[in-house]
Protein backbone atom coordinates (compact mmCIF):
# COMPACT_ATOMS: atom_id res chain seq x y z
CA MET A 1 -42.77 45.05 -50.27
CA ILE A 2 -45.40 43.06 -48.40
CA ALA A 3 -48.37 41.99 -50.50
CA SER A 4 -51.85 41.92 -48.98
CA LEU A 5 -54.89 39.70 -49.29
CA ALA A 6 -58.37 39.62 -47.72
CA TRP A 7 -60.22 36.40 -46.96
CA SER A 8 -63.95 35.84 -46.60
CA PRO A 9 -65.36 36.23 -43.08
CA LYS A 10 -65.44 33.36 -40.60
CA GLU A 11 -67.42 32.76 -37.42
CA PRO A 12 -65.54 32.76 -34.08
CA HIS A 13 -66.46 29.09 -33.43
CA GLU A 14 -65.20 27.87 -36.82
CA TYR A 15 -61.88 26.07 -37.20
CA LEU A 16 -61.00 26.27 -40.90
CA ASP A 17 -58.14 25.65 -43.27
CA TYR A 18 -56.85 28.51 -45.43
CA GLN A 19 -54.47 28.22 -48.34
CA VAL A 20 -52.06 30.72 -49.89
CA ASP A 21 -50.57 30.15 -53.34
CA PHE A 22 -47.02 31.51 -53.63
CA ARG A 23 -46.27 29.83 -57.00
CA GLU A 24 -46.45 33.10 -58.99
CA ARG A 25 -43.74 34.52 -56.72
CA LEU A 26 -41.34 31.61 -57.22
CA SER A 27 -38.77 31.32 -59.98
CA SER A 28 -38.27 28.09 -61.91
CA GLY A 29 -36.79 25.47 -59.56
CA GLU A 30 -37.34 27.65 -56.48
CA LEU A 31 -38.96 25.98 -53.47
CA ILE A 32 -40.31 27.17 -50.15
CA VAL A 33 -38.03 25.76 -47.46
CA GLU A 34 -39.43 27.55 -44.41
CA VAL A 35 -42.80 29.10 -43.62
CA ASP A 36 -44.19 30.99 -40.66
CA ALA A 37 -47.60 32.50 -39.91
CA VAL A 38 -47.93 35.07 -37.12
CA VAL A 39 -51.11 36.74 -35.87
CA THR A 40 -50.39 40.47 -35.96
CA PHE A 41 -53.83 41.66 -34.88
CA GLY A 42 -56.91 40.08 -33.35
CA THR A 43 -57.71 37.02 -31.29
CA ILE A 44 -57.51 34.24 -33.88
CA GLU A 45 -55.15 31.33 -33.42
CA VAL A 46 -53.07 29.82 -36.20
CA ASP A 47 -52.62 26.15 -35.47
CA ARG A 48 -50.86 24.03 -38.07
CA VAL A 49 -48.85 25.62 -40.89
CA GLN A 50 -47.73 23.38 -43.74
CA GLN A 51 -46.28 23.96 -47.19
CA ALA A 52 -46.01 21.92 -50.35
CA ASN A 53 -45.48 22.73 -54.02
CA GLY A 54 -45.60 26.50 -53.49
CA HIS A 55 -48.77 26.41 -51.39
CA VAL A 56 -49.03 27.25 -47.69
CA LEU A 57 -51.87 25.71 -45.68
CA MET A 58 -52.92 27.07 -42.28
CA TRP A 59 -55.60 26.01 -39.81
CA ILE A 60 -57.20 28.99 -38.06
CA GLY A 61 -59.70 29.14 -35.21
CA GLY A 62 -61.17 31.65 -32.79
CA GLY A 63 -61.55 35.36 -33.22
CA THR A 64 -63.81 37.99 -31.71
CA LYS A 65 -67.19 38.68 -33.29
CA ASN A 66 -67.32 41.77 -35.54
CA GLN A 67 -63.57 42.36 -35.46
CA LEU A 68 -60.78 41.99 -37.98
CA ALA A 69 -57.81 39.71 -37.56
CA ARG A 70 -54.52 39.83 -39.45
CA VAL A 71 -51.93 37.18 -40.20
CA LEU A 72 -48.45 37.77 -41.61
CA VAL A 73 -47.25 34.78 -43.65
CA THR A 74 -43.51 34.62 -44.37
CA ALA A 75 -42.16 32.09 -46.87
CA THR A 76 -38.40 31.68 -47.30
CA THR A 77 -37.12 29.94 -50.44
CA ASN A 78 -34.10 27.80 -51.27
CA ALA A 79 -32.77 30.83 -53.19
CA GLY A 80 -32.77 32.86 -49.98
CA ARG A 81 -35.70 35.06 -51.01
CA ILE A 82 -38.29 36.04 -48.43
CA ASN A 83 -41.91 36.47 -49.55
CA GLN A 84 -44.42 38.02 -47.14
CA LEU A 85 -48.18 38.28 -47.33
CA ASP A 86 -50.34 40.30 -44.92
CA ILE A 87 -53.79 38.68 -44.72
CA THR A 88 -56.94 40.25 -43.30
CA LEU A 89 -59.62 37.91 -41.94
CA PRO A 90 -62.94 39.45 -40.83
CA ILE A 91 -64.72 37.71 -37.95
CA LYS A 92 -68.51 37.85 -38.31
């Protein structure tokens, strides 16, 4: 099952960092070993994607005014589990 999340709107000209906390989805001793963020809808661009201590940090820019954008974040753990989060980002 893919969880979903909605972020606060951003302006098309803004280049902002967004963080996702996966800690509640991790078992004791489990670590994120691979992370990916893919734009599934809209004209935003995901630049850097980093992870540390159960958090995923992404830098996002662009977008088209008055449209929604969506990002699918996939985090794979050292236990082989795959956690996915579908994020909606309104562009104002």
